[in-house]
Amino acid sequence: MAVIRLKIEEKKHMNWLQRQLFSFLVFIGSIFPDNNKSIDLGSDYVIRDNKCIVPTNLYTDTEIYSKVIDYKFNDKFIIAKQTPKISSYKKLVREDLRTRLIIYDGFLKERNDKDYEKITTPSIVNSIKSDSLIYYRFKKNGLKENYYDKNLKIEEVVDSILKNDMFYKKILRNKINYWIINKLDNTRFGPFTRIEFENELKIKNINLQFE
C-alpha cells in the first residue's frame, strides 16, 4: 500500500479530507511500523520492513507488495525481485480501496472549498475522480461514513479483483516476479519472468543486475 505525502498546516482545524488522510497515515504506520526499517530509495520511494516498495504518493501506482526479496536502485531506476504473498495483496488492496473511498468522499465534500487546491494538484484530482465508479458501487452497498462496515463487502470485492483481474492473476501465479520502476516518470514495468526481465534491462539500457 502506498503512503500519501501530505503537509498538514499548523492551524486549529484541519478540513475533513486532511483529518481522514492523517488517520490513514496513522493506520499505515500500524501496518508498516518503521522501527528503523524504512529505507529511502530516492525520488520519493521507500522499501518498508524489507518487504514492500512503495511511493510516498498514493496516486502514483507503482507499489510492489510483499514480499520483495531483493532490490537494486540508482538515480533513475529501481529493480525488484518478488515472491508474491496473496495474504499481503489481500490486506493492502483492501486498505487501498478503503483509502480511495475516504478520499473520494472527501473530494465530494471539499471540492468547492478554495483551501482544497492547497493540498492537492490537478493530476491528483483527476485520479480521485477516476474512483467514482468504485465509490458509487459501495454506495449501493450502503456506504455512509463507516468504511469498516462488513455490509460493504469489501472482502468480496478484493477476492473478486485478485481472482479475475489479469494483472493480479499474473502476479499471483508466479513463484518469482521481476519488476522495474522508472523513478523519473513514475512508471512500473512487470511482472516479468527472469528472461523477460533481462531483455527489458537491455532494451531500457538499465545498468543494474541481481547477482
N, C-alpha and C. Protein backbone atom coordinates (compact mmCIF):
# COMPACT_ATOMS: atom_id res chain seq x y z
N MET A 1 0.84 -1.18 0.00
CA MET A 1 0.00 0.00 0.00
C MET A 1 0.87 1.22 0.00
N ALA A 2 0.75 2.21 -0.87
CA ALA A 2 1.48 3.43 -0.96
C ALA A 2 1.03 4.42 0.07
N VAL A 3 1.99 5.34 0.47
CA VAL A 3 1.70 6.29 1.53
C VAL A 3 1.61 7.69 0.95
N ILE A 4 0.65 8.47 1.41
CA ILE A 4 0.46 9.83 0.92
C ILE A 4 1.41 10.78 1.63
N ARG A 5 2.10 11.59 0.85
CA ARG A 5 2.88 12.66 1.45
C ARG A 5 1.96 13.86 1.56
N LEU A 6 1.68 14.28 2.76
CA LEU A 6 0.71 15.35 2.96
C LEU A 6 1.23 16.30 4.01
N LYS A 7 1.39 17.57 3.65
CA LYS A 7 1.80 18.57 4.62
C LYS A 7 0.56 19.14 5.28
N ILE A 8 0.40 18.88 6.57
CA ILE A 8 -0.75 19.38 7.30
C ILE A 8 -0.36 20.69 7.98
N GLU A 9 -0.97 21.77 7.56
CA GLU A 9 -0.61 23.08 8.06
C GLU A 9 -0.96 23.20 9.54
N GLU A 10 -0.19 24.02 10.21
CA GLU A 10 -0.41 24.24 11.64
C GLU A 10 -1.53 25.27 11.81
N LYS A 11 -2.71 24.76 12.04
CA LYS A 11 -3.83 25.64 12.32
C LYS A 11 -4.80 24.88 13.22
N LYS A 12 -5.73 25.57 13.80
CA LYS A 12 -6.58 24.99 14.83
C LYS A 12 -7.44 23.86 14.28
N HIS A 13 -7.90 23.98 13.02
CA HIS A 13 -8.81 22.98 12.50
C HIS A 13 -8.32 22.50 11.14
N MET A 14 -8.26 21.18 10.98
CA MET A 14 -7.99 20.60 9.68
C MET A 14 -9.32 20.36 8.98
N ASN A 15 -9.37 20.48 7.64
CA ASN A 15 -10.63 20.18 6.96
C ASN A 15 -10.85 18.67 6.95
N TRP A 16 -12.01 18.26 6.47
CA TRP A 16 -12.42 16.86 6.56
C TRP A 16 -11.42 15.93 5.88
N LEU A 17 -10.97 16.28 4.70
CA LEU A 17 -10.06 15.43 3.95
C LEU A 17 -8.73 15.29 4.69
N GLN A 18 -8.23 16.38 5.21
CA GLN A 18 -6.97 16.32 5.95
C GLN A 18 -7.07 15.39 7.16
N ARG A 19 -8.20 15.47 7.88
CA ARG A 19 -8.37 14.59 9.04
C ARG A 19 -8.37 13.12 8.63
N GLN A 20 -9.03 12.81 7.50
CA GLN A 20 -9.09 11.43 7.05
C GLN A 20 -7.72 10.94 6.59
N LEU A 21 -6.98 11.78 5.90
CA LEU A 21 -5.65 11.38 5.43
C LEU A 21 -4.69 11.22 6.60
N PHE A 22 -4.84 12.07 7.60
CA PHE A 22 -4.00 11.92 8.79
C PHE A 22 -4.29 10.58 9.47
N SER A 23 -5.57 10.23 9.57
CA SER A 23 -5.93 8.93 10.16
C SER A 23 -5.36 7.80 9.34
N PHE A 24 -5.35 7.96 8.01
CA PHE A 24 -4.80 6.93 7.14
C PHE A 24 -3.30 6.76 7.37
N LEU A 25 -2.60 7.86 7.55
CA LEU A 25 -1.16 7.78 7.80
C LEU A 25 -0.89 7.02 9.10
N VAL A 26 -1.71 7.27 10.11
CA VAL A 26 -1.56 6.55 11.37
C VAL A 26 -1.80 5.06 11.16
N PHE A 27 -2.83 4.74 10.35
CA PHE A 27 -3.13 3.34 10.07
C PHE A 27 -1.99 2.66 9.33
N ILE A 28 -1.44 3.34 8.31
CA ILE A 28 -0.32 2.76 7.55
C ILE A 28 0.86 2.51 8.46
N GLY A 29 1.06 3.43 9.41
CA GLY A 29 2.15 3.23 10.36
C GLY A 29 1.96 1.97 11.19
N SER A 30 0.70 1.60 11.42
CA SER A 30 0.45 0.38 12.20
C SER A 30 0.69 -0.87 11.38
N ILE A 31 0.50 -0.79 10.04
CA ILE A 31 0.78 -1.94 9.18
C ILE A 31 2.28 -2.10 8.97
N PHE A 32 2.93 -0.96 8.72
CA PHE A 32 4.37 -0.97 8.46
C PHE A 32 5.09 -0.15 9.52
N PRO A 33 5.21 -0.64 10.73
CA PRO A 33 5.92 0.14 11.76
C PRO A 33 7.35 0.38 11.33
N ASP A 34 7.77 1.63 11.48
CA ASP A 34 9.10 1.98 10.98
C ASP A 34 10.21 1.18 11.65
N ASN A 35 10.35 1.38 12.98
CA ASN A 35 11.39 0.63 13.70
C ASN A 35 12.72 0.64 12.94
N ASN A 36 13.02 1.78 12.32
CA ASN A 36 14.26 1.93 11.56
C ASN A 36 14.35 0.96 10.38
N LYS A 37 13.20 0.47 9.89
CA LYS A 37 13.22 -0.48 8.79
C LYS A 37 12.73 0.11 7.48
N SER A 38 12.53 1.42 7.44
CA SER A 38 12.15 2.09 6.21
C SER A 38 13.40 2.64 5.53
N ILE A 39 13.67 2.15 4.31
CA ILE A 39 14.90 2.53 3.62
C ILE A 39 14.56 3.42 2.43
N ASP A 40 15.20 4.57 2.36
CA ASP A 40 14.96 5.53 1.30
C ASP A 40 15.63 5.06 0.01
N LEU A 41 14.82 4.93 -1.05
CA LEU A 41 15.35 4.52 -2.35
C LEU A 41 15.50 5.70 -3.30
N GLY A 42 15.26 6.90 -2.80
CA GLY A 42 15.38 8.10 -3.61
C GLY A 42 14.13 8.40 -4.41
N SER A 43 13.96 9.68 -4.77
CA SER A 43 12.84 10.12 -5.62
C SER A 43 11.49 9.69 -5.07
N ASP A 44 11.33 9.84 -3.76
CA ASP A 44 10.04 9.57 -3.10
C ASP A 44 9.64 8.10 -3.13
N TYR A 45 10.60 7.21 -3.06
CA TYR A 45 10.33 5.78 -2.92
C TYR A 45 11.03 5.25 -1.69
N VAL A 46 10.35 4.32 -1.00
CA VAL A 46 10.96 3.67 0.16
C VAL A 46 10.65 2.18 0.09
N ILE A 47 11.47 1.39 0.77
CA ILE A 47 11.13 -0.02 0.99
C ILE A 47 10.81 -0.15 2.47
N ARG A 48 9.64 -0.73 2.77
CA ARG A 48 9.14 -0.82 4.13
C ARG A 48 9.37 -2.22 4.70
N ASP A 49 10.02 -2.26 5.83
CA ASP A 49 10.19 -3.51 6.57
C ASP A 49 10.83 -4.59 5.71
N ASN A 50 11.63 -4.18 4.71
CA ASN A 50 12.29 -5.10 3.79
C ASN A 50 11.31 -6.00 3.05
N LYS A 51 10.07 -5.52 2.83
CA LYS A 51 9.06 -6.36 2.20
C LYS A 51 8.36 -5.70 1.01
N CYS A 52 8.04 -4.42 1.12
CA CYS A 52 7.25 -3.74 0.10
C CYS A 52 7.96 -2.47 -0.36
N ILE A 53 7.95 -2.23 -1.66
CA ILE A 53 8.44 -0.97 -2.21
C ILE A 53 7.23 -0.10 -2.49
N VAL A 54 7.22 1.10 -1.93
CA VAL A 54 6.06 1.97 -2.08
C VAL A 54 6.50 3.39 -2.42
N PRO A 55 5.70 4.08 -3.26
CA PRO A 55 5.91 5.52 -3.46
C PRO A 55 5.29 6.26 -2.29
N THR A 56 5.71 7.47 -2.06
CA THR A 56 5.14 8.24 -0.95
C THR A 56 3.93 9.05 -1.39
N ASN A 57 3.46 8.82 -2.61
CA ASN A 57 2.25 9.47 -3.10
C ASN A 57 1.24 8.40 -3.45
N LEU A 58 0.08 8.43 -2.82
CA LEU A 58 -0.94 7.40 -3.02
C LEU A 58 -1.30 7.22 -4.48
N TYR A 59 -1.35 8.33 -5.25
CA TYR A 59 -1.80 8.25 -6.62
C TYR A 59 -0.67 8.05 -7.62
N THR A 60 0.46 7.56 -7.13
CA THR A 60 1.49 7.03 -8.00
C THR A 60 1.39 5.51 -7.91
N ASP A 61 0.87 4.90 -8.96
CA ASP A 61 0.51 3.48 -8.90
C ASP A 61 1.70 2.61 -9.29
N THR A 62 2.71 2.60 -8.42
CA THR A 62 3.94 1.87 -8.74
C THR A 62 4.41 0.97 -7.60
N GLU A 63 3.55 0.69 -6.64
CA GLU A 63 3.95 -0.11 -5.49
C GLU A 63 4.24 -1.56 -5.89
N ILE A 64 5.13 -2.19 -5.16
CA ILE A 64 5.40 -3.62 -5.30
C ILE A 64 5.21 -4.23 -3.92
N TYR A 65 4.18 -5.03 -3.78
CA TYR A 65 3.80 -5.56 -2.49
C TYR A 65 4.69 -6.74 -2.09
N SER A 66 4.46 -7.19 -0.87
CA SER A 66 5.26 -8.26 -0.27
C SER A 66 5.15 -9.59 -1.06
N LYS A 67 6.26 -10.23 -1.15
CA LYS A 67 7.48 -9.96 -0.42
C LYS A 67 8.61 -9.70 -1.42
N VAL A 68 9.21 -8.51 -1.29
CA VAL A 68 10.38 -8.17 -2.09
C VAL A 68 11.59 -8.83 -1.44
N ILE A 69 12.24 -9.70 -2.19
CA ILE A 69 13.36 -10.45 -1.61
C ILE A 69 14.73 -9.92 -2.04
N ASP A 70 14.72 -9.04 -3.05
CA ASP A 70 15.98 -8.41 -3.47
C ASP A 70 15.64 -7.16 -4.27
N TYR A 71 16.50 -6.17 -4.21
CA TYR A 71 16.28 -4.94 -4.98
C TYR A 71 17.61 -4.22 -5.17
N LYS A 72 17.66 -3.43 -6.24
CA LYS A 72 18.80 -2.56 -6.52
C LYS A 72 18.22 -1.24 -7.03
N PHE A 73 18.97 -0.17 -6.89
CA PHE A 73 18.46 1.10 -7.41
C PHE A 73 19.61 2.06 -7.72
N ASN A 74 19.30 2.99 -8.60
CA ASN A 74 20.22 4.10 -8.87
C ASN A 74 19.37 5.37 -8.98
N ASP A 75 19.91 6.42 -9.59
CA ASP A 75 19.18 7.69 -9.66
C ASP A 75 17.92 7.61 -10.50
N LYS A 76 17.87 6.66 -11.45
CA LYS A 76 16.76 6.61 -12.39
C LYS A 76 15.81 5.44 -12.19
N PHE A 77 16.34 4.31 -11.73
CA PHE A 77 15.54 3.08 -11.72
C PHE A 77 15.63 2.33 -10.40
N ILE A 78 14.60 1.52 -10.16
CA ILE A 78 14.61 0.51 -9.11
C ILE A 78 14.29 -0.82 -9.79
N ILE A 79 15.05 -1.86 -9.48
CA ILE A 79 14.68 -3.20 -9.93
C ILE A 79 14.39 -4.04 -8.68
N ALA A 80 13.41 -4.92 -8.81
CA ALA A 80 13.00 -5.70 -7.63
C ALA A 80 12.69 -7.13 -8.02
N LYS A 81 13.01 -8.02 -7.09
CA LYS A 81 12.69 -9.44 -7.21
C LYS A 81 11.69 -9.77 -6.11
N GLN A 82 10.59 -10.39 -6.48
CA GLN A 82 9.47 -10.56 -5.55
C GLN A 82 8.96 -11.99 -5.53
N THR A 83 8.67 -12.48 -4.33
CA THR A 83 7.89 -13.71 -4.18
C THR A 83 6.53 -13.27 -3.65
N PRO A 84 5.50 -13.26 -4.49
CA PRO A 84 4.21 -12.68 -4.09
C PRO A 84 3.50 -13.49 -3.01
N LYS A 85 2.89 -12.77 -2.07
CA LYS A 85 2.12 -13.39 -1.00
C LYS A 85 0.68 -12.92 -1.11
N ILE A 86 -0.24 -13.84 -1.33
CA ILE A 86 -1.63 -13.44 -1.52
C ILE A 86 -2.20 -12.77 -0.27
N SER A 87 -1.76 -13.16 0.91
CA SER A 87 -2.26 -12.54 2.13
C SER A 87 -1.91 -11.06 2.18
N SER A 88 -0.71 -10.71 1.73
CA SER A 88 -0.30 -9.31 1.69
C SER A 88 -1.12 -8.54 0.66
N TYR A 89 -1.32 -9.15 -0.50
CA TYR A 89 -2.11 -8.47 -1.53
C TYR A 89 -3.53 -8.24 -1.06
N LYS A 90 -4.12 -9.20 -0.38
CA LYS A 90 -5.49 -9.02 0.12
C LYS A 90 -5.55 -7.85 1.09
N LYS A 91 -4.62 -7.81 2.03
CA LYS A 91 -4.63 -6.76 3.04
C LYS A 91 -4.42 -5.39 2.42
N LEU A 92 -3.45 -5.28 1.54
CA LEU A 92 -3.09 -3.97 1.02
C LEU A 92 -4.06 -3.47 -0.04
N VAL A 93 -4.59 -4.37 -0.87
CA VAL A 93 -5.61 -3.96 -1.84
C VAL A 93 -6.87 -3.53 -1.10
N ARG A 94 -7.21 -4.24 -0.02
CA ARG A 94 -8.38 -3.87 0.78
C ARG A 94 -8.22 -2.47 1.36
N GLU A 95 -7.07 -2.17 1.95
CA GLU A 95 -6.88 -0.86 2.55
C GLU A 95 -6.74 0.23 1.49
N ASP A 96 -6.21 -0.13 0.32
CA ASP A 96 -6.15 0.83 -0.78
C ASP A 96 -7.57 1.22 -1.21
N LEU A 97 -8.46 0.25 -1.30
CA LEU A 97 -9.85 0.54 -1.64
C LEU A 97 -10.49 1.45 -0.60
N ARG A 98 -10.30 1.12 0.67
CA ARG A 98 -10.89 1.93 1.73
C ARG A 98 -10.38 3.38 1.65
N THR A 99 -9.08 3.50 1.44
CA THR A 99 -8.49 4.83 1.39
C THR A 99 -9.05 5.64 0.23
N ARG A 100 -9.21 5.00 -0.92
CA ARG A 100 -9.76 5.70 -2.08
C ARG A 100 -11.21 6.11 -1.85
N LEU A 101 -11.97 5.29 -1.14
CA LEU A 101 -13.34 5.66 -0.79
C LEU A 101 -13.35 6.89 0.11
N ILE A 102 -12.47 6.90 1.10
CA ILE A 102 -12.37 8.02 2.02
C ILE A 102 -12.02 9.30 1.28
N ILE A 103 -11.04 9.20 0.39
CA ILE A 103 -10.58 10.38 -0.33
C ILE A 103 -11.64 10.89 -1.30
N TYR A 104 -12.32 9.96 -1.97
CA TYR A 104 -13.36 10.41 -2.91
C TYR A 104 -14.51 11.07 -2.15
N ASP A 105 -14.87 10.53 -1.01
CA ASP A 105 -15.91 11.13 -0.19
C ASP A 105 -15.48 12.55 0.24
N GLY A 106 -14.22 12.68 0.62
CA GLY A 106 -13.70 13.99 0.98
C GLY A 106 -13.72 14.95 -0.19
N PHE A 107 -13.42 14.44 -1.38
CA PHE A 107 -13.46 15.27 -2.59
C PHE A 107 -14.86 15.82 -2.81
N LEU A 108 -15.89 14.98 -2.66
CA LEU A 108 -17.26 15.43 -2.86
C LEU A 108 -17.63 16.53 -1.86
N LYS A 109 -17.11 16.43 -0.64
CA LYS A 109 -17.45 17.39 0.40
C LYS A 109 -16.64 18.66 0.33
N GLU A 110 -15.40 18.57 -0.17
CA GLU A 110 -14.48 19.69 -0.07
C GLU A 110 -14.11 20.34 -1.41
N ARG A 111 -14.58 19.80 -2.53
CA ARG A 111 -14.08 20.25 -3.84
C ARG A 111 -14.34 21.72 -4.13
N ASN A 112 -15.36 22.30 -3.51
CA ASN A 112 -15.65 23.72 -3.74
C ASN A 112 -14.98 24.63 -2.73
N ASP A 113 -14.23 24.05 -1.82
CA ASP A 113 -13.51 24.83 -0.82
C ASP A 113 -12.19 25.31 -1.43
N LYS A 114 -11.92 26.59 -1.38
CA LYS A 114 -10.70 27.13 -2.01
C LYS A 114 -9.43 26.55 -1.38
N ASP A 115 -9.52 26.11 -0.11
CA ASP A 115 -8.35 25.52 0.55
C ASP A 115 -8.03 24.14 0.00
N TYR A 116 -9.00 23.51 -0.67
CA TYR A 116 -8.79 22.17 -1.20
C TYR A 116 -7.64 22.15 -2.19
N GLU A 117 -7.52 23.21 -2.99
CA GLU A 117 -6.46 23.28 -4.01
C GLU A 117 -5.08 23.31 -3.39
N LYS A 118 -4.99 23.73 -2.13
CA LYS A 118 -3.68 23.85 -1.49
C LYS A 118 -3.10 22.50 -1.11
N ILE A 119 -3.94 21.46 -0.97
CA ILE A 119 -3.43 20.16 -0.53
C ILE A 119 -3.49 19.11 -1.64
N THR A 120 -3.73 19.56 -2.87
CA THR A 120 -3.80 18.61 -3.97
C THR A 120 -3.29 19.27 -5.25
N THR A 121 -3.35 18.55 -6.37
CA THR A 121 -2.92 19.05 -7.68
C THR A 121 -3.95 18.61 -8.71
N PRO A 122 -3.97 19.24 -9.89
CA PRO A 122 -4.92 18.81 -10.94
C PRO A 122 -4.80 17.34 -11.30
N SER A 123 -3.59 16.80 -11.36
CA SER A 123 -3.43 15.39 -11.73
C SER A 123 -3.99 14.47 -10.66
N ILE A 124 -3.80 14.84 -9.38
CA ILE A 124 -4.35 14.04 -8.30
C ILE A 124 -5.87 14.12 -8.29
N VAL A 125 -6.42 15.31 -8.57
CA VAL A 125 -7.88 15.45 -8.64
C VAL A 125 -8.44 14.54 -9.73
N ASN A 126 -7.76 14.48 -10.88
CA ASN A 126 -8.22 13.59 -11.95
C ASN A 126 -8.18 12.13 -11.52
N SER A 127 -7.15 11.76 -10.76
CA SER A 127 -7.06 10.40 -10.24
C SER A 127 -8.18 10.12 -9.25
N ILE A 128 -8.47 11.10 -8.41
CA ILE A 128 -9.57 10.94 -7.46
C ILE A 128 -10.89 10.75 -8.18
N LYS A 129 -11.12 11.55 -9.22
CA LYS A 129 -12.37 11.45 -9.98
C LYS A 129 -12.52 10.07 -10.62
N SER A 130 -11.40 9.46 -10.99
CA SER A 130 -11.46 8.15 -11.64
C SER A 130 -11.96 7.06 -10.69
N ASP A 131 -12.01 7.36 -9.39
CA ASP A 131 -12.50 6.39 -8.40
C ASP A 131 -14.01 6.48 -8.18
N SER A 132 -14.69 7.28 -9.00
CA SER A 132 -16.12 7.48 -8.79
C SER A 132 -16.92 6.19 -8.93
N LEU A 133 -16.55 5.32 -9.89
CA LEU A 133 -17.28 4.07 -10.08
C LEU A 133 -17.17 3.16 -8.86
N ILE A 134 -15.95 3.11 -8.28
CA ILE A 134 -15.75 2.33 -7.06
C ILE A 134 -16.62 2.88 -5.94
N TYR A 135 -16.60 4.20 -5.81
CA TYR A 135 -17.34 4.85 -4.73
C TYR A 135 -18.83 4.56 -4.83
N TYR A 136 -19.40 4.74 -6.00
CA TYR A 136 -20.85 4.57 -6.14
C TYR A 136 -21.26 3.09 -6.10
N ARG A 137 -20.33 2.21 -6.43
CA ARG A 137 -20.60 0.79 -6.25
C ARG A 137 -20.81 0.48 -4.78
N PHE A 138 -19.94 1.03 -3.93
CA PHE A 138 -20.07 0.78 -2.50
C PHE A 138 -21.23 1.57 -1.89
N LYS A 139 -21.57 2.69 -2.50
CA LYS A 139 -22.74 3.43 -2.05
C LYS A 139 -23.99 2.56 -2.14
N LYS A 140 -24.06 1.75 -3.19
CA LYS A 140 -25.20 0.86 -3.36
C LYS A 140 -25.24 -0.20 -2.25
N ASN A 141 -24.06 -0.49 -1.69
CA ASN A 141 -23.99 -1.45 -0.58
C ASN A 141 -24.26 -0.80 0.78
N GLY A 142 -24.60 0.49 0.75
CA GLY A 142 -24.96 1.16 2.00
C GLY A 142 -23.85 2.00 2.61
N LEU A 143 -22.83 2.38 1.81
CA LEU A 143 -21.74 3.19 2.34
C LEU A 143 -22.24 4.51 2.90
N LYS A 144 -21.85 4.78 4.15
CA LYS A 144 -22.12 6.10 4.74
C LYS A 144 -20.76 6.70 5.10
N GLU A 145 -20.39 6.61 6.37
CA GLU A 145 -19.05 7.07 6.74
C GLU A 145 -18.31 6.02 7.55
N ASN A 146 -18.86 4.82 7.61
CA ASN A 146 -18.19 3.71 8.29
C ASN A 146 -17.54 2.82 7.23
N TYR A 147 -16.26 3.04 7.01
CA TYR A 147 -15.57 2.33 5.93
C TYR A 147 -15.12 0.94 6.36
N TYR A 148 -15.46 0.56 7.59
CA TYR A 148 -15.14 -0.78 8.08
C TYR A 148 -16.40 -1.61 8.30
N ASP A 149 -17.52 -1.12 7.76
CA ASP A 149 -18.79 -1.82 7.86
C ASP A 149 -18.73 -3.11 7.03
N LYS A 150 -18.97 -4.26 7.68
CA LYS A 150 -18.91 -5.54 6.98
C LYS A 150 -19.93 -5.63 5.84
N ASN A 151 -21.00 -4.87 5.95
CA ASN A 151 -22.03 -4.91 4.91
C ASN A 151 -21.56 -4.34 3.58
N LEU A 152 -20.44 -3.61 3.60
CA LEU A 152 -19.89 -3.07 2.36
C LEU A 152 -19.30 -4.17 1.48
N LYS A 153 -19.01 -5.32 2.08
CA LYS A 153 -18.49 -6.49 1.36
C LYS A 153 -17.19 -6.18 0.62
N ILE A 154 -16.33 -5.40 1.28
CA ILE A 154 -15.03 -5.08 0.67
C ILE A 154 -14.21 -6.34 0.45
N GLU A 155 -14.28 -7.28 1.40
CA GLU A 155 -13.52 -8.53 1.27
C GLU A 155 -13.92 -9.26 -0.01
N GLU A 156 -15.22 -9.29 -0.30
CA GLU A 156 -15.69 -9.97 -1.51
C GLU A 156 -15.19 -9.28 -2.76
N VAL A 157 -15.17 -7.96 -2.74
CA VAL A 157 -14.68 -7.20 -3.89
C VAL A 157 -13.19 -7.46 -4.10
N VAL A 158 -12.43 -7.48 -3.01
CA VAL A 158 -10.98 -7.75 -3.11
C VAL A 158 -10.74 -9.15 -3.67
N ASP A 159 -11.46 -10.13 -3.16
CA ASP A 159 -11.31 -11.50 -3.67
C ASP A 159 -11.61 -11.57 -5.16
N SER A 160 -12.65 -10.85 -5.58
CA SER A 160 -13.02 -10.84 -6.99
C SER A 160 -11.93 -10.20 -7.84
N ILE A 161 -11.35 -9.11 -7.33
CA ILE A 161 -10.27 -8.43 -8.05
C ILE A 161 -9.07 -9.37 -8.23
N LEU A 162 -8.67 -10.01 -7.15
CA LEU A 162 -7.48 -10.87 -7.20
C LEU A 162 -7.69 -12.11 -8.06
N LYS A 163 -8.94 -12.58 -8.14
CA LYS A 163 -9.22 -13.79 -8.92
C LYS A 163 -9.45 -13.50 -10.40
N ASN A 164 -9.91 -12.28 -10.72
CA ASN A 164 -10.35 -12.00 -12.10
C ASN A 164 -9.53 -10.97 -12.85
N ASP A 165 -8.86 -10.10 -12.14
CA ASP A 165 -8.06 -9.09 -12.82
C ASP A 165 -6.79 -9.74 -13.37
N MET A 166 -6.55 -9.56 -14.67
CA MET A 166 -5.43 -10.24 -15.33
C MET A 166 -4.08 -9.83 -14.74
N PHE A 167 -3.97 -8.58 -14.32
CA PHE A 167 -2.72 -8.10 -13.73
C PHE A 167 -2.40 -8.87 -12.45
N TYR A 168 -3.36 -8.98 -11.55
CA TYR A 168 -3.13 -9.68 -10.29
C TYR A 168 -3.01 -11.18 -10.49
N LYS A 169 -3.76 -11.73 -11.44
CA LYS A 169 -3.65 -13.16 -11.73
C LYS A 169 -2.24 -13.51 -12.17
N LYS A 170 -1.67 -12.66 -12.99
CA LYS A 170 -0.30 -12.91 -13.46
C LYS A 170 0.70 -12.83 -12.31
N ILE A 171 0.52 -11.86 -11.45
CA ILE A 171 1.42 -11.72 -10.30
C ILE A 171 1.37 -12.96 -9.41
N LEU A 172 0.17 -13.40 -9.08
CA LEU A 172 0.00 -14.43 -8.06
C LEU A 172 0.23 -15.85 -8.57
N ARG A 173 0.27 -16.04 -9.88
CA ARG A 173 0.51 -17.39 -10.37
C ARG A 173 2.01 -17.71 -10.47
N ASN A 174 2.85 -16.69 -10.36
CA ASN A 174 4.29 -16.90 -10.46
C ASN A 174 4.92 -17.05 -9.08
N LYS A 175 5.91 -17.93 -8.98
CA LYS A 175 6.65 -18.06 -7.73
C LYS A 175 7.58 -16.88 -7.51
N ILE A 176 8.16 -16.38 -8.61
CA ILE A 176 9.06 -15.23 -8.54
C ILE A 176 8.70 -14.25 -9.65
N ASN A 177 8.58 -12.98 -9.30
CA ASN A 177 8.35 -11.91 -10.27
C ASN A 177 9.52 -10.94 -10.25
N TYR A 178 9.74 -10.32 -11.41
CA TYR A 178 10.77 -9.28 -11.53
C TYR A 178 10.09 -7.99 -11.99
N TRP A 179 10.55 -6.87 -11.42
CA TRP A 179 9.92 -5.57 -11.68
C TRP A 179 10.97 -4.50 -11.98
N ILE A 180 10.51 -3.48 -12.69
CA ILE A 180 11.33 -2.28 -12.94
C ILE A 180 10.47 -1.07 -12.65
N ILE A 181 11.00 -0.11 -11.90
CA ILE A 181 10.33 1.17 -11.68
C ILE A 181 11.22 2.27 -12.23
N ASN A 182 10.65 3.10 -13.11
CA ASN A 182 11.34 4.30 -13.59
C ASN A 182 10.97 5.43 -12.63
N LYS A 183 11.92 5.88 -11.85
CA LYS A 183 11.65 6.90 -10.84
C LYS A 183 11.46 8.28 -11.44
N LEU A 184 11.95 8.48 -12.65
CA LEU A 184 11.87 9.81 -13.26
C LEU A 184 10.45 10.14 -13.72
N ASP A 185 9.73 9.14 -14.24
CA ASP A 185 8.36 9.41 -14.68
C ASP A 185 7.32 8.56 -13.94
N ASN A 186 7.77 7.90 -12.86
CA ASN A 186 6.87 7.11 -12.00
C ASN A 186 6.05 6.09 -12.80
N THR A 187 6.77 5.22 -13.50
CA THR A 187 6.12 4.13 -14.22
C THR A 187 6.71 2.81 -13.73
N ARG A 188 5.84 1.81 -13.68
CA ARG A 188 6.24 0.48 -13.22
C ARG A 188 6.07 -0.51 -14.37
N PHE A 189 7.05 -1.40 -14.53
CA PHE A 189 7.00 -2.41 -15.58
C PHE A 189 7.11 -3.79 -14.95
N GLY A 190 6.23 -4.68 -15.36
CA GLY A 190 6.21 -6.03 -14.81
C GLY A 190 4.80 -6.46 -14.53
N PRO A 191 4.63 -7.64 -13.98
CA PRO A 191 5.70 -8.58 -13.57
C PRO A 191 6.32 -9.31 -14.75
N PHE A 192 7.61 -9.58 -14.65
CA PHE A 192 8.36 -10.28 -15.68
C PHE A 192 8.88 -11.62 -15.18
N THR A 193 9.10 -12.53 -16.12
CA THR A 193 9.92 -13.70 -15.83
C THR A 193 11.37 -13.26 -15.85
N ARG A 194 12.28 -14.13 -15.45
CA ARG A 194 13.70 -13.75 -15.45
C ARG A 194 14.18 -13.40 -16.85
N ILE A 195 13.79 -14.17 -17.84
CA ILE A 195 14.22 -13.90 -19.21
C ILE A 195 13.64 -12.59 -19.71
N GLU A 196 12.34 -12.37 -19.47
CA GLU A 196 11.70 -11.12 -19.88
C GLU A 196 12.37 -9.92 -19.20
N PHE A 197 12.68 -10.09 -17.94
CA PHE A 197 13.31 -9.03 -17.16
C PHE A 197 14.67 -8.65 -17.73
N GLU A 198 15.49 -9.64 -18.03
CA GLU A 198 16.82 -9.37 -18.56
C GLU A 198 16.74 -8.70 -19.93
N ASN A 199 15.75 -9.07 -20.73
CA ASN A 199 15.54 -8.41 -22.02
C ASN A 199 15.16 -6.95 -21.83
N GLU A 200 14.29 -6.69 -20.85
CA GLU A 200 13.87 -5.31 -20.57
C GLU A 200 15.04 -4.45 -20.11
N LEU A 201 15.91 -5.01 -19.31
CA LEU A 201 17.09 -4.27 -18.87
C LEU A 201 17.93 -3.83 -20.06
N LYS A 202 18.07 -4.71 -21.05
CA LYS A 202 18.84 -4.37 -22.24
C LYS A 202 18.14 -3.31 -23.07
N ILE A 203 16.83 -3.49 -23.27
CA ILE A 203 16.06 -2.55 -24.08
C ILE A 203 16.08 -1.15 -23.48
N LYS A 204 15.96 -1.07 -22.16
CA LYS A 204 15.90 0.22 -21.48
C LYS A 204 17.28 0.73 -21.06
N ASN A 205 18.30 -0.05 -21.38
CA ASN A 205 19.68 0.32 -21.08
C ASN A 205 19.86 0.64 -19.58
N ILE A 206 19.38 -0.30 -18.75
CA ILE A 206 19.46 -0.14 -17.30
C ILE A 206 20.68 -0.90 -16.78
N ASN A 207 21.56 -0.17 -16.14
CA ASN A 207 22.81 -0.76 -15.66
C ASN A 207 22.68 -1.23 -14.22
N LEU A 208 21.72 -2.13 -14.01
CA LEU A 208 21.51 -2.75 -12.70
C LEU A 208 21.31 -4.25 -12.91
N GLN A 209 21.81 -5.05 -11.98
CA GLN A 209 21.69 -6.51 -12.12
C GLN A 209 21.60 -7.15 -10.74
N PHE A 210 20.91 -8.28 -10.69
CA PHE A 210 20.96 -9.11 -9.50
C PHE A 210 22.11 -10.08 -9.63
N GLU A 211 22.70 -10.43 -8.51
CA GLU A 211 23.84 -11.36 -8.53
C GLU A 211 23.36 -12.78 -8.85
